[in-house]
Amino acid sequence: MKFKLSIIIFFISIIANANDDLKLAEKAYDTKNYKEAIEKYEALVSSGYKAYQLYFNLGNAYYKNNQIGKAIYNYELARKINPNDEDVKINLAIANSKTIDKIDTKENFFVTAVKTNLLLSLSTAKWAWLSIFALMLALILTYIFIFSQSVPIKRISFIAGILSVIAFIFMYALGFSALKSKVENKFAVITSKQITVKNEPTLTGSSRFTLHEGTKIRVIENNGEWVLIKLDNGNEGWLKLADVGIL
């Protein structure tokens, strides 16, 4: 019993300390001491706390401290947890407008934007629940269609059942695409002011191109302290892991 009580007291003390650090961070931010606010928020992140509000506040502190890359990185982490938060979307868009690199994409911009927004609009779990709901609705409507004696009800349940099946296929496809993208595609954000991308994972490698803070990149391979990255325009190269924030 004493052991259980000591554990409870231990966790209460952790929560109390976290609340104290959060209050200190908020106070520092309100007084425009953004560097101290960043230190306090980062301490909470290092302690294992993960919440979109925490990453959002940290992103705001970095933005106010003119560290656009790290601001975008934390806004992206906040959006990953809560993709539908409007404040996160707005601040991320504002921060992205401050980036230097404007990279063309090989894909059609409209198609890419629509696909990305659809996949990010809900979490993979929510897509799964919606597809299950649509399937259950289709089964219920099928039951009504088979056993109902009313012709109008049969007609309505048939049409609604067809629409439910279409909705199930659509939501299942989106959920599968979101899960596949989450597993296969690892993204990162450049957090250093300016970096030079190399043709090989060594400092002596020749330079390929330059990137600036805030640019979102796709991570293809991890090789110790180096990562192989790919841009939307197809360009690839190696850069230091310390210069990016992995999402």
Protein backbone atom coordinates (compact mmCIF):
# COMPACT_ATOMS: atom_id res chain seq x y z
CA MET A 1 0.00 0.00 0.00
CA LYS A 2 2.86 2.36 0.82
CA PHE A 3 4.42 1.54 -2.55
CA LYS A 4 1.21 2.50 -4.40
CA LEU A 5 0.90 5.66 -2.37
CA SER A 6 4.49 6.66 -3.14
CA ILE A 7 3.83 6.18 -6.86
CA ILE A 8 0.73 8.38 -6.65
CA ILE A 9 2.68 11.09 -4.82
CA PHE A 10 5.48 10.80 -7.39
CA PHE A 11 3.13 11.37 -10.32
CA ILE A 12 1.35 14.20 -8.54
CA SER A 13 4.71 15.90 -8.01
CA ILE A 14 5.52 15.46 -11.74
CA ILE A 15 2.19 17.02 -12.75
CA ALA A 16 2.71 19.87 -10.26
CA ASN A 17 6.19 20.57 -11.63
CA ALA A 18 4.85 20.49 -15.19
CA ASN A 19 2.13 22.99 -14.28
CA ASP A 20 4.76 25.24 -12.69
CA ASP A 21 6.94 25.07 -15.82
CA LEU A 22 3.90 25.78 -17.98
CA LYS A 23 2.99 28.84 -15.92
CA LEU A 24 6.58 30.09 -16.08
CA ALA A 25 6.62 29.58 -19.85
CA GLU A 26 3.34 31.45 -20.29
CA LYS A 27 4.56 34.27 -18.05
CA ALA A 28 7.80 34.54 -20.03
CA TYR A 29 5.83 34.64 -23.29
CA ASP A 30 3.44 37.32 -21.99
CA THR A 31 6.40 39.48 -20.96
CA LYS A 32 7.98 38.96 -24.42
CA ASN A 33 10.86 36.95 -22.99
CA TYR A 34 10.57 34.47 -25.82
CA LYS A 35 13.94 32.83 -25.27
CA GLU A 36 13.00 31.84 -21.71
CA ALA A 37 9.54 30.72 -22.88
CA ILE A 38 11.19 28.47 -25.47
CA GLU A 39 13.45 26.95 -22.81
CA LYS A 40 10.48 26.19 -20.54
CA TYR A 41 8.32 24.76 -23.32
CA GLU A 42 11.23 22.67 -24.62
CA ALA A 43 11.81 21.34 -21.11
CA LEU A 44 8.21 20.12 -21.02
CA VAL A 45 8.63 18.45 -24.42
CA SER A 46 11.87 16.81 -23.26
CA SER A 47 10.01 15.52 -20.19
CA GLY A 48 7.70 13.57 -22.48
CA TYR A 49 4.66 15.84 -22.60
CA LYS A 50 2.91 15.76 -25.98
CA ALA A 51 -0.08 17.96 -26.70
CA TYR A 52 -0.94 20.07 -29.71
CA GLN A 53 -1.39 23.13 -27.45
CA LEU A 54 2.17 22.70 -26.16
CA TYR A 55 3.65 22.46 -29.66
CA PHE A 56 1.44 25.34 -30.80
CA ASN A 57 2.66 27.60 -27.96
CA LEU A 58 6.26 26.56 -28.62
CA GLY A 59 5.79 27.36 -32.30
CA ASN A 60 4.45 30.80 -31.37
CA ALA A 61 7.45 31.45 -29.12
CA TYR A 62 9.87 30.45 -31.89
CA TYR A 63 7.99 32.60 -34.39
CA LYS A 64 8.17 35.62 -32.10
CA ASN A 65 11.89 34.90 -31.63
CA ASN A 66 12.32 35.01 -35.42
CA GLN A 67 13.16 31.29 -35.70
CA ILE A 68 10.81 30.46 -38.56
CA GLY A 69 12.09 26.95 -39.19
CA LYS A 70 11.55 25.74 -35.64
CA ALA A 71 8.21 27.56 -35.52
CA ILE A 72 7.00 25.67 -38.61
CA TYR A 73 8.36 22.40 -37.22
CA ASN A 74 6.34 22.76 -34.02
CA TYR A 75 3.22 23.93 -35.85
CA GLU A 76 3.52 20.79 -38.00
CA LEU A 77 3.80 18.65 -34.85
CA ALA A 78 0.69 20.37 -33.47
CA ARG A 79 -1.18 19.76 -36.73
CA LYS A 80 -0.11 16.11 -36.69
CA ILE A 81 -1.88 15.69 -33.33
CA ASN A 82 -4.89 17.87 -34.12
CA PRO A 83 -5.24 18.35 -37.90
CA ASN A 84 -8.49 20.35 -37.62
CA ASP A 85 -7.41 23.14 -35.27
CA GLU A 86 -7.95 26.44 -37.09
CA ASP A 87 -5.39 28.41 -35.06
CA VAL A 88 -2.69 25.89 -35.94
CA LYS A 89 -3.64 26.05 -39.63
CA ILE A 90 -3.63 29.86 -39.68
CA ASN A 91 -0.30 30.27 -37.86
CA LEU A 92 1.33 27.56 -39.97
CA ALA A 93 0.19 29.33 -43.13
CA ILE A 94 1.57 32.66 -41.85
CA ALA A 95 4.91 31.07 -40.94
CA ASN A 96 5.12 29.27 -44.31
CA SER A 97 4.65 32.60 -46.08
CA LYS A 98 7.92 33.75 -44.48
CA THR A 99 10.02 30.93 -45.96
CA ILE A 100 12.57 31.64 -48.70
CA ASP A 101 12.54 28.45 -50.75
CA LYS A 102 9.72 28.16 -53.27
CA ILE A 103 9.97 24.66 -54.71
CA ASP A 104 8.03 23.61 -57.78
CA THR A 105 6.37 20.23 -57.77
CA LYS A 106 6.32 17.63 -60.52
CA GLU A 107 2.69 16.83 -59.74
CA ASN A 108 -0.29 19.00 -60.58
CA PHE A 109 -0.50 21.61 -57.82
CA PHE A 110 -4.30 21.50 -57.51
CA VAL A 111 -4.43 17.69 -57.33
CA THR A 112 -1.58 17.61 -54.79
CA ALA A 113 -3.18 20.29 -52.62
CA VAL A 114 -6.60 18.60 -52.63
CA LYS A 115 -5.11 15.18 -51.84
CA THR A 116 -2.94 16.55 -49.02
CA ASN A 117 -5.79 18.52 -47.44
CA LEU A 118 -8.13 15.53 -47.61
CA LEU A 119 -5.64 13.16 -46.01
CA LEU A 120 -4.78 15.63 -43.26
CA SER A 121 -8.38 16.64 -42.55
CA LEU A 122 -8.85 13.62 -40.27
CA SER A 123 -6.63 11.18 -38.41
CA THR A 124 -6.29 7.60 -39.69
CA ALA A 125 -8.38 6.41 -36.72
CA LYS A 126 -11.23 8.77 -37.63
CA TRP A 127 -11.13 7.66 -41.27
CA ALA A 128 -11.38 4.06 -40.04
CA TRP A 129 -14.38 4.81 -37.79
CA LEU A 130 -16.16 6.69 -40.57
CA SER A 131 -15.66 3.81 -43.01
CA ILE A 132 -16.97 1.35 -40.38
CA PHE A 133 -20.01 3.58 -39.78
CA ALA A 134 -20.71 3.76 -43.53
CA LEU A 135 -20.43 -0.02 -43.84
CA MET A 136 -22.76 -0.61 -40.87
CA LEU A 137 -25.27 1.85 -42.34
CA ALA A 138 -25.12 0.04 -45.68
CA LEU A 139 -25.82 -3.29 -43.94
CA ILE A 140 -28.77 -1.82 -42.02
CA LEU A 141 -30.22 -0.33 -45.20
CA THR A 142 -29.76 -3.66 -46.98
CA TYR A 143 -31.71 -5.37 -44.18
CA ILE A 144 -34.51 -2.79 -44.49
CA PHE A 145 -34.59 -3.22 -48.27
CA ILE A 146 -34.91 -7.02 -48.01
CA PHE A 147 -37.53 -7.23 -45.28
CA SER A 148 -39.58 -4.07 -45.75
CA GLN A 149 -43.04 -4.50 -47.31
CA SER A 150 -43.31 -0.86 -48.40
CA VAL A 151 -42.24 -0.08 -51.97
CA PRO A 152 -41.26 3.58 -51.22
CA ILE A 153 -39.16 2.46 -48.24
CA LYS A 154 -37.52 -0.24 -50.39
CA ARG A 155 -36.69 2.38 -53.02
CA ILE A 156 -35.27 4.86 -50.48
CA SER A 157 -33.27 2.20 -48.62
CA PHE A 158 -31.84 0.88 -51.92
CA ILE A 159 -30.64 4.32 -53.05
CA ALA A 160 -29.34 5.20 -49.58
CA GLY A 161 -27.62 1.80 -49.36
CA ILE A 162 -25.83 2.36 -52.67
CA LEU A 163 -24.67 5.79 -51.46
CA SER A 164 -23.48 4.26 -48.18
CA VAL A 165 -21.42 1.66 -50.04
CA ILE A 166 -19.88 4.41 -52.19
CA ALA A 167 -19.14 6.43 -49.04
CA PHE A 168 -17.54 3.35 -47.43
CA ILE A 169 -15.27 2.75 -50.44
CA PHE A 170 -14.33 6.45 -50.58
CA MET A 171 -13.54 6.72 -46.85
CA TYR A 172 -11.72 3.40 -46.77
CA ALA A 173 -9.54 4.50 -49.71
CA LEU A 174 -8.74 7.82 -48.03
CA GLY A 175 -7.99 6.13 -44.71
CA PHE A 176 -5.75 3.57 -46.40
CA SER A 177 -3.94 6.36 -48.31
CA ALA A 178 -3.48 8.35 -45.10
CA LEU A 179 -2.07 5.30 -43.30
CA LYS A 180 0.20 4.43 -46.23
CA SER A 181 1.45 8.02 -46.37
CA LYS A 182 2.05 8.00 -42.62
CA VAL A 183 4.05 4.74 -42.76
CA GLU A 184 5.96 5.19 -46.01
CA ASN A 185 6.47 8.95 -46.14
CA LYS A 186 8.57 10.53 -43.46
CA PHE A 187 8.77 14.30 -43.62
CA ALA A 188 11.01 16.84 -41.95
CA VAL A 189 11.41 20.60 -41.71
CA ILE A 190 14.67 22.51 -42.11
CA THR A 191 15.30 24.14 -38.72
CA SER A 192 18.71 25.77 -39.40
CA LYS A 193 18.86 29.18 -41.07
CA GLN A 194 20.64 27.88 -44.16
CA ILE A 195 22.10 24.50 -45.06
CA THR A 196 24.00 23.06 -48.00
CA VAL A 197 22.77 19.75 -49.36
CA LYS A 198 25.62 17.35 -50.28
CA ASN A 199 25.84 14.66 -52.92
CA GLU A 200 27.07 12.16 -50.28
CA PRO A 201 26.83 11.86 -46.47
CA THR A 202 30.20 13.50 -45.69
CA LEU A 203 31.36 17.02 -45.00
CA THR A 204 33.78 16.72 -47.93
CA GLY A 205 30.99 15.87 -50.36
CA SER A 206 30.32 18.33 -53.15
CA SER A 207 27.45 20.78 -52.74
CA ARG A 208 24.28 20.18 -54.71
CA PHE A 209 21.93 22.98 -53.64
CA THR A 210 21.06 25.21 -50.70
CA LEU A 211 17.95 25.17 -48.54
CA HIS A 212 16.68 27.60 -45.91
CA GLU A 213 14.75 27.27 -42.67
CA GLY A 214 11.12 26.25 -42.80
CA THR A 215 11.31 24.21 -46.00
CA LYS A 216 9.42 20.93 -45.74
CA ILE A 217 11.25 17.94 -47.19
CA ARG A 218 10.73 14.21 -47.64
CA VAL A 219 13.18 11.92 -45.81
CA ILE A 220 14.22 8.93 -47.94
CA GLU A 221 16.97 7.37 -45.84
CA ASN A 222 18.63 7.80 -42.47
CA ASN A 223 22.38 7.17 -42.24
CA GLY A 224 23.52 7.97 -38.71
CA GLU A 225 24.10 11.72 -38.50
CA TRP A 226 22.98 12.22 -42.09
CA VAL A 227 19.63 11.94 -43.90
CA LEU A 228 18.92 11.55 -47.59
CA ILE A 229 16.17 13.97 -48.56
CA LYS A 230 14.02 14.55 -51.63
CA LEU A 231 12.21 17.69 -52.73
CA ASP A 232 8.90 17.90 -54.57
CA ASN A 233 10.80 18.87 -57.73
CA GLY A 234 12.73 15.57 -57.63
CA ASN A 235 16.08 16.91 -56.36
CA GLU A 236 17.83 14.70 -53.82
CA GLY A 237 20.82 15.07 -51.51
CA TRP A 238 22.28 14.53 -48.06
CA LEU A 239 22.17 16.88 -45.09
CA LYS A 240 22.96 16.71 -41.38
CA LEU A 241 20.25 15.28 -39.14
CA ALA A 242 20.89 18.10 -36.66
CA ASP A 243 19.68 20.63 -39.27
CA VAL A 244 16.16 19.19 -39.52
CA GLY A 245 13.20 18.34 -37.34
CA ILE A 246 11.70 14.95 -38.20
CA LEU A 247 7.90 14.90 -38.20
